[in-house]
Protein backbone atom coordinates (compact mmCIF):
# COMPACT_ATOMS: atom_id res chain seq x y z
CA MET A 1 -82.29 -80.62 105.13
CA CYS A 2 -83.99 -77.59 105.37
CA GLU A 3 -86.12 -76.98 101.58
CA ALA A 4 -84.66 -73.55 101.82
CA HIS A 5 -81.48 -75.55 101.16
CA SER A 6 -82.46 -78.27 98.27
CA SER A 7 -81.78 -77.41 94.92
CA HIS A 8 -84.26 -78.75 92.01
CA THR A 9 -83.01 -81.47 90.45
CA ASP A 10 -86.20 -81.28 87.47
CA PRO A 11 -83.81 -80.83 84.21
CA ASP A 12 -87.12 -78.64 82.81
CA HIS A 13 -86.85 -75.88 85.77
CA GLY A 14 -85.62 -72.62 83.74
CA ASP A 15 -84.53 -69.95 84.34
CA GLY A 16 -87.79 -67.79 84.58
CA HIS A 17 -89.55 -70.49 87.03
CA ALA A 18 -87.97 -68.34 90.10
CA ALA A 19 -90.20 -65.34 89.03
CA GLN A 20 -93.07 -67.81 89.93
CA HIS A 21 -91.84 -68.08 93.47
CA PRO A 22 -92.91 -65.68 95.93
CA THR A 23 -89.56 -64.76 98.10
CA THR A 24 -89.96 -65.59 101.86
CA GLY A 25 -87.14 -63.62 103.61
CA HIS A 26 -84.77 -66.69 104.27
CA ALA A 27 -80.94 -65.19 103.61
CA HIS A 28 -77.87 -66.00 104.78
CA ALA A 29 -75.27 -63.89 104.10
CA ALA A 30 -73.98 -61.38 106.20
CA THR A 31 -71.44 -58.81 105.63
CA GLY A 32 -69.16 -57.88 107.94
CA SER A 33 -66.46 -59.63 110.04
CA PRO A 34 -66.95 -62.58 113.09
CA ASP A 35 -66.53 -60.07 115.82
CA GLU A 36 -69.37 -58.16 114.41
CA GLY A 37 -71.68 -60.57 115.55
CA VAL A 38 -72.06 -63.18 112.72
CA ALA A 39 -72.15 -67.17 113.29
CA GLU A 40 -72.12 -70.65 110.88
CA CYS A 41 -74.03 -72.28 111.29
CA PRO A 42 -72.72 -76.10 112.59
CA VAL A 43 -75.83 -78.22 110.61
CA MET A 44 -75.04 -76.31 106.99
CA PRO A 45 -71.04 -75.29 106.84
CA GLY A 46 -71.01 -72.19 104.82
CA SER A 47 -74.73 -70.65 106.14
CA THR A 48 -74.02 -67.72 107.96
CA ILE A 49 -76.49 -66.63 110.36
CA ARG A 50 -76.21 -63.07 112.36
CA LYS A 51 -76.26 -63.97 116.02
CA ALA A 52 -79.11 -61.33 117.38
CA ASP A 53 -81.68 -62.51 114.37
CA ALA A 54 -80.71 -66.65 115.53
CA GLU A 55 -81.96 -65.75 119.32
CA HIS A 56 -84.59 -63.15 118.47
CA ALA A 57 -85.70 -66.12 116.25
CA GLY A 58 -84.48 -69.21 118.88
CA LEU A 59 -82.31 -70.61 115.90
CA ILE A 60 -79.85 -71.04 118.97
CA ARG A 61 -78.65 -74.38 121.19
CA ASP A 62 -76.48 -74.71 124.28
CA PHE A 63 -74.66 -77.84 123.89
CA GLU A 64 -71.62 -78.74 126.81
CA GLY A 65 -70.99 -75.19 127.45
CA GLN A 66 -71.26 -73.76 123.85
CA ARG A 67 -73.81 -72.25 122.18
CA TYR A 68 -74.50 -72.49 117.96
CA TYR A 69 -75.98 -69.98 115.83
CA LEU A 70 -78.50 -71.90 113.71
CA CYS A 71 -79.54 -70.69 109.54
CA CYS A 72 -83.06 -72.12 109.70
CA ALA A 73 -85.44 -73.72 111.79
CA ALA A 74 -85.20 -76.92 110.01
CA CYS A 75 -81.87 -77.35 111.15
CA GLY A 76 -82.53 -77.27 114.88
CA PRO A 77 -84.21 -80.93 114.90
CA MET A 78 -81.17 -82.34 112.84
CA PHE A 79 -78.39 -80.73 115.83
CA ASP A 80 -81.12 -81.67 118.51
CA ALA A 81 -80.29 -85.16 116.88
CA ASP A 82 -76.73 -85.51 117.62
CA PRO A 83 -75.21 -82.16 118.92
CA ALA A 84 -72.17 -84.33 119.37
CA LYS A 85 -71.73 -84.65 115.14
CA TYR A 86 -72.48 -81.02 114.77
CA ALA A 87 -70.46 -78.98 117.96
CA SER A 88 -67.70 -81.59 116.26
CA LEU A 89 -67.68 -79.99 112.99
CA ARG A 90 -67.09 -76.28 114.97
């Protein structure tokens, strides 16, 4: 799983801890309708990405004539390992 998607399990992980980490701009939420070029990542259902952003970042995969848009670089190897699995979730 992508570090950006994992959650901290440390019980001492307090609210003020977030201020210690710089932001990386790893945003998933997108506004607008699917008609505006937003796709859901097949590896991380619920994570959306603008299609143009995914294409620019190389976060796309083509499988059996369909294009898939990934939310982060960590999803690429997972999709590549079993594209049929993730394509079937569509």
